[in-house]
Amino acid sequence: MTACSLPLDKLCSIIKQHPDGLLAIEKVPGVLTHPNPKENKSRSLLKCPFDYEKECYVWGKENRQDCKLFLVHRIDSATSGVLLASTCPQLADQLKKAFEERLVEKTYYAVVNYHGVSIRSPWKDCLKKTLVCGKIRVISSKSGMNAITLAKIKQKTHNQYGNLALLKLMPQTGRTHQLRVQCAKRRLPILGDRTYGQFNLNRKITKLSKTNRLFLHSAKIKVKLSLGGQSNVTWEAESSLPTEFREILGQ
């Protein structure tokens, strides 16, 4: 990467990389996986142009734009944690196929408002994307696409913020806003969710903790690929639970 050093957002960082061109990047909340074409001033993962047709960032010295970073999946702007990408187009295609065929193991953590509801895993829903006032909203609908998530409570607590729980979520599908909608549907709204969350609680959390973020974190990604001339290589990257999560849970 020395010849093509990534022009990363100053608060994002590389967690892990492979010589074949595979990178795991730590994305902070509030940063877009790629720029929004309708918002020129949006803050995105890399500070350089994005080719929407090829799904890659492009940059280079003297405007040659001979350096590229290909996206293979996305996480919401408000979500933090591990994001995979590749500087090699062939490896990027291999990764995209792995995501499409559900061969990638993804682990998220979420802090939710918890009132003793039972967790019956797996969660199975049909989710449909709609537009409300020009913004994406996801609803449960029989005409929607299957969304499946394995869910488990890792910690329960009661403190000045209320009754909270830390959930471990392992999505088996990759639908838009999947985890946020599935949590909300089960009366487990994720803290800080401005679209599907509990707004009174969000205001209380922000006031007391001085933290204004979505409490959803991409903690681990595990995938099998052909790397270094070998097939079926297991490659994984992890991101620690954010400090804000630990503080609000009283850890």
Protein backbone atom coordinates (compact mmCIF):
# COMPACT_ATOMS: atom_id res chain seq x y z
CA MET A 1 0.00 0.00 0.00
CA THR A 2 3.01 2.36 0.08
CA ALA A 3 2.59 3.48 -3.54
CA CYS A 4 -1.12 3.98 -3.02
CA SER A 5 -1.48 5.06 0.60
CA LEU A 6 -5.16 5.23 1.48
CA PRO A 7 -6.51 8.77 1.89
CA LEU A 8 -8.64 7.54 4.82
CA ASP A 9 -10.88 9.74 6.90
CA LYS A 10 -8.72 10.93 9.79
CA LEU A 11 -10.75 9.01 12.40
CA CYS A 12 -10.90 5.73 10.44
CA SER A 13 -8.04 3.23 10.42
CA ILE A 14 -6.83 -0.06 8.94
CA ILE A 15 -7.38 -2.95 11.36
CA LYS A 16 -5.79 -5.67 9.26
CA GLN A 17 -4.58 -6.24 5.71
CA HIS A 18 -3.36 -9.05 3.45
CA PRO A 19 -0.65 -8.68 0.77
CA ASP A 20 -3.15 -9.81 -1.89
CA GLY A 21 -5.02 -6.54 -1.38
CA LEU A 22 -7.59 -7.37 1.28
CA LEU A 23 -8.25 -4.74 3.94
CA ALA A 24 -10.35 -4.53 7.08
CA ILE A 25 -11.11 -0.92 7.94
CA GLU A 26 -12.42 0.49 11.22
CA LYS A 27 -15.25 2.88 10.33
CA VAL A 28 -16.41 5.43 12.88
CA PRO A 29 -20.08 6.47 13.22
CA GLY A 30 -21.12 9.35 11.01
CA VAL A 31 -18.89 8.34 8.08
CA LEU A 32 -20.50 7.04 4.88
CA THR A 33 -19.18 3.84 3.33
CA HIS A 34 -19.18 5.77 0.06
CA PRO A 35 -20.20 9.34 -0.81
CA ASN A 36 -23.82 10.23 -1.32
CA PRO A 37 -24.12 11.54 -4.91
CA LYS A 38 -26.83 13.95 -3.76
CA GLU A 39 -24.70 15.42 -0.96
CA ASN A 40 -21.38 16.82 -2.12
CA LYS A 41 -20.32 17.69 1.42
CA SER A 42 -21.02 14.25 2.92
CA ARG A 43 -18.19 12.73 4.97
CA SER A 44 -17.07 9.40 3.52
CA LEU A 45 -14.55 6.64 4.19
CA LEU A 46 -11.89 7.97 1.81
CA LYS A 47 -11.18 11.58 0.90
CA CYS A 48 -11.11 11.10 -2.87
CA PRO A 49 -13.52 10.61 -5.82
CA PHE A 50 -15.79 7.58 -5.99
CA ASP A 51 -16.60 5.69 -9.20
CA TYR A 52 -20.23 4.58 -8.79
CA GLU A 53 -20.17 2.32 -11.85
CA LYS A 54 -17.12 0.32 -10.71
CA GLU A 55 -17.97 0.72 -7.01
CA CYS A 56 -14.52 1.92 -6.04
CA TYR A 57 -12.63 4.92 -4.76
CA VAL A 58 -10.02 6.29 -7.18
CA TRP A 59 -7.00 8.46 -6.49
CA GLY A 60 -3.34 8.88 -7.41
CA LYS A 61 -0.56 11.39 -7.94
CA GLU A 62 -0.95 14.11 -10.56
CA ASN A 63 -4.63 13.18 -11.05
CA ARG A 64 -3.73 9.86 -12.68
CA GLN A 65 -6.24 8.07 -10.45
CA ASP A 66 -4.37 4.78 -10.85
CA CYS A 67 -5.04 3.70 -7.26
CA LYS A 68 -8.36 2.04 -6.46
CA LEU A 69 -10.18 0.67 -3.43
CA PHE A 70 -13.15 -1.56 -4.27
CA LEU A 71 -16.09 -1.84 -1.88
CA VAL A 72 -17.52 -5.32 -1.35
CA HIS A 73 -20.27 -4.53 1.17
CA ARG A 74 -21.60 -1.59 3.18
CA ILE A 75 -22.59 -0.65 6.70
CA ASP A 76 -24.86 2.25 7.63
CA SER A 77 -23.33 5.65 8.19
CA ALA A 78 -24.43 5.60 11.84
CA THR A 79 -22.92 2.14 12.47
CA SER A 80 -19.30 1.71 13.53
CA GLY A 81 -16.85 -1.15 13.15
CA VAL A 82 -15.32 -3.54 10.62
CA LEU A 83 -15.72 -2.93 6.90
CA LEU A 84 -13.99 -5.04 4.22
CA ALA A 85 -12.59 -3.67 0.97
CA SER A 86 -9.95 -4.62 -1.60
CA THR A 87 -7.38 -2.94 -3.84
CA CYS A 88 -7.58 -5.92 -6.22
CA PRO A 89 -10.63 -6.12 -8.55
CA GLN A 90 -10.45 -9.93 -8.82
CA LEU A 91 -10.34 -10.34 -5.04
CA ALA A 92 -13.17 -7.80 -4.71
CA ASP A 93 -15.31 -9.94 -7.05
CA GLN A 94 -14.50 -13.01 -4.96
CA LEU A 95 -15.55 -11.19 -1.80
CA LYS A 96 -18.77 -9.88 -3.33
CA LYS A 97 -19.68 -13.41 -4.35
CA ALA A 98 -19.00 -14.65 -0.81
CA PHE A 99 -21.36 -12.01 0.59
CA GLU A 100 -24.03 -12.79 -2.00
CA GLU A 101 -23.82 -16.52 -1.25
CA ARG A 102 -23.97 -15.90 2.52
CA LEU A 103 -20.53 -17.38 3.12
CA VAL A 104 -19.45 -14.49 5.35
CA GLU A 105 -19.87 -14.72 9.12
CA LYS A 106 -20.77 -11.30 10.54
CA THR A 107 -21.07 -10.39 14.22
CA TYR A 108 -22.59 -7.17 15.53
CA TYR A 109 -23.23 -5.84 19.02
CA ALA A 110 -26.11 -3.54 19.92
CA VAL A 111 -27.17 -1.82 23.14
CA VAL A 112 -30.97 -1.87 23.36
CA ASN A 113 -33.78 -0.80 25.64
CA TYR A 114 -34.75 -4.04 27.39
CA HIS A 115 -37.89 -4.88 29.37
CA GLY A 116 -37.65 -8.63 29.85
CA VAL A 117 -38.90 -9.69 26.41
CA SER A 118 -37.77 -13.18 25.45
CA ILE A 119 -35.19 -13.66 22.71
CA ARG A 120 -36.35 -16.40 20.38
CA SER A 121 -33.60 -16.92 17.85
CA PRO A 122 -33.39 -16.97 14.89
CA TRP A 123 -35.32 -13.85 14.00
CA LYS A 124 -37.14 -14.24 10.68
CA ASP A 125 -38.94 -11.37 8.96
CA CYS A 126 -39.92 -10.15 5.52
CA LEU A 127 -38.58 -6.63 5.05
CA LYS A 128 -39.42 -4.15 2.34
CA LYS A 129 -37.65 -0.92 1.42
CA THR A 130 -39.80 2.18 0.93
CA LEU A 131 -39.25 5.91 0.52
CA VAL A 132 -40.74 8.41 2.97
CA CYS A 133 -40.13 12.07 2.14
CA GLY A 134 -37.23 10.96 -0.04
CA LYS A 135 -35.57 8.93 2.73
CA ILE A 136 -35.24 5.14 2.94
CA ARG A 137 -37.52 3.41 5.43
CA VAL A 138 -37.80 -0.35 5.90
CA ILE A 139 -41.04 -2.01 6.97
CA SER A 140 -42.32 -5.53 7.58
CA SER A 141 -44.26 -6.70 4.55
CA LYS A 142 -45.33 -10.04 3.12
CA SER A 143 -44.03 -8.81 -0.23
CA GLY A 144 -40.61 -8.06 1.29
CA MET A 145 -37.40 -10.09 1.25
CA ASN A 146 -36.44 -12.66 3.86
CA ALA A 147 -34.28 -11.32 6.69
CA ILE A 148 -32.72 -13.76 9.16
CA THR A 149 -30.65 -12.95 12.25
CA LEU A 150 -29.28 -15.04 15.11
CA ALA A 151 -29.67 -13.11 18.37
CA LYS A 152 -28.42 -13.59 21.93
CA ILE A 153 -28.36 -11.48 25.09
CA LYS A 154 -24.79 -11.02 26.35
CA GLN A 155 -25.47 -8.67 29.26
CA LYS A 156 -28.36 -7.07 31.13
CA THR A 157 -28.11 -4.00 33.31
CA HIS A 158 -30.18 -1.38 35.09
CA ASN A 159 -28.64 2.03 35.70
CA GLN A 160 -29.41 5.73 35.39
CA TYR A 161 -30.20 5.24 31.70
CA GLY A 162 -32.84 2.60 32.34
CA ASN A 163 -33.11 -1.13 31.61
CA LEU A 164 -30.52 -2.01 28.98
CA ALA A 165 -29.12 -5.11 27.31
CA LEU A 166 -26.15 -5.86 25.10
CA LEU A 167 -27.20 -8.07 22.19
CA LYS A 168 -24.96 -10.20 20.01
CA LEU A 169 -26.44 -10.22 16.52
CA MET A 170 -25.31 -12.42 13.65
CA PRO A 171 -27.21 -11.52 10.45
CA GLN A 172 -27.55 -14.40 8.02
CA THR A 173 -28.84 -12.03 5.32
CA GLY A 174 -27.83 -8.50 4.43
CA ARG A 175 -30.99 -6.42 4.07
CA THR A 176 -31.04 -2.64 4.38
CA HIS A 177 -31.45 -1.56 8.04
CA GLN A 178 -32.03 -5.22 8.90
CA LEU A 179 -30.78 -5.28 12.49
CA ARG A 180 -32.30 -1.93 13.41
CA VAL A 181 -35.75 -2.89 12.11
CA GLN A 182 -35.71 -6.40 13.58
CA CYS A 183 -34.72 -5.08 17.01
CA ALA A 184 -37.41 -2.39 16.92
CA LYS A 185 -40.06 -4.90 15.82
CA ARG A 186 -39.32 -7.00 18.94
CA ARG A 187 -39.57 -3.99 21.29
CA LEU A 188 -35.79 -3.90 21.60
CA PRO A 189 -35.01 -0.51 20.04
CA ILE A 190 -31.32 0.20 19.58
CA LEU A 191 -30.16 3.22 21.53
CA GLY A 192 -29.54 6.26 19.36
CA ASP A 193 -31.58 4.98 16.41
CA ARG A 194 -33.18 8.15 15.01
CA THR A 195 -35.39 6.26 12.55
CA TYR A 196 -36.68 3.17 14.33
CA GLY A 197 -35.71 3.90 17.93
CA GLN A 198 -37.40 5.19 21.08
CA PHE A 199 -36.98 8.94 20.71
CA ASN A 200 -37.63 9.96 24.35
CA LEU A 201 -35.00 7.49 25.55
CA ASN A 202 -32.56 8.68 22.87
CA ARG A 203 -32.87 12.25 24.16
CA LYS A 204 -32.33 11.06 27.75
CA ILE A 205 -29.23 9.04 26.76
CA THR A 206 -27.75 11.99 24.87
CA LYS A 207 -28.39 14.39 27.76
CA LEU A 208 -26.98 12.16 30.49
CA SER A 209 -24.07 10.52 28.64
CA LYS A 210 -23.16 13.39 26.29
CA THR A 211 -22.98 10.69 23.62
CA ASN A 212 -24.92 11.11 20.39
CA ARG A 213 -24.54 7.97 18.29
CA LEU A 214 -26.23 4.75 17.21
CA PHE A 215 -25.26 1.93 19.56
CA LEU A 216 -24.71 -0.64 16.80
CA HIS A 217 -21.22 -1.96 16.10
CA SER A 218 -19.82 -4.32 13.46
CA ALA A 219 -17.49 -6.33 15.69
CA LYS A 220 -16.22 -9.21 13.56
CA ILE A 221 -16.17 -10.50 9.99
CA LYS A 222 -14.99 -13.97 9.05
CA VAL A 223 -14.73 -15.29 5.51
CA LYS A 224 -13.11 -18.12 3.52
CA LEU A 225 -11.21 -17.04 0.40
CA SER A 226 -8.44 -17.94 -2.01
CA LEU A 227 -5.47 -15.99 -0.64
CA GLY A 228 -1.72 -16.22 -1.08
CA GLY A 229 -2.08 -18.92 -3.69
CA GLN A 230 -4.09 -21.13 -1.34
CA SER A 231 -7.81 -21.88 -1.50
CA ASN A 232 -10.27 -22.01 1.37
CA VAL A 233 -8.23 -19.74 3.64
CA THR A 234 -10.10 -18.44 6.70
CA TRP A 235 -9.53 -14.70 7.18
CA GLU A 236 -11.10 -12.67 9.95
CA ALA A 237 -10.91 -9.21 11.44
CA GLU A 238 -12.23 -7.86 14.73
CA SER A 239 -13.04 -4.49 16.23
CA SER A 240 -13.28 -4.00 19.99
CA LEU A 241 -16.50 -2.89 21.64
CA PRO A 242 -16.48 0.93 21.60
CA THR A 243 -15.81 2.82 24.83
CA GLU A 244 -19.28 4.40 24.69
CA PHE A 245 -20.87 0.93 24.81
CA ARG A 246 -18.88 -0.07 27.89
CA GLU A 247 -19.60 3.19 29.68
CA ILE A 248 -23.35 3.12 29.10
CA LEU A 249 -23.51 -0.51 30.26
CA GLY A 250 -21.50 0.34 33.37
CA GLN A 251 -18.65 -2.03 32.54
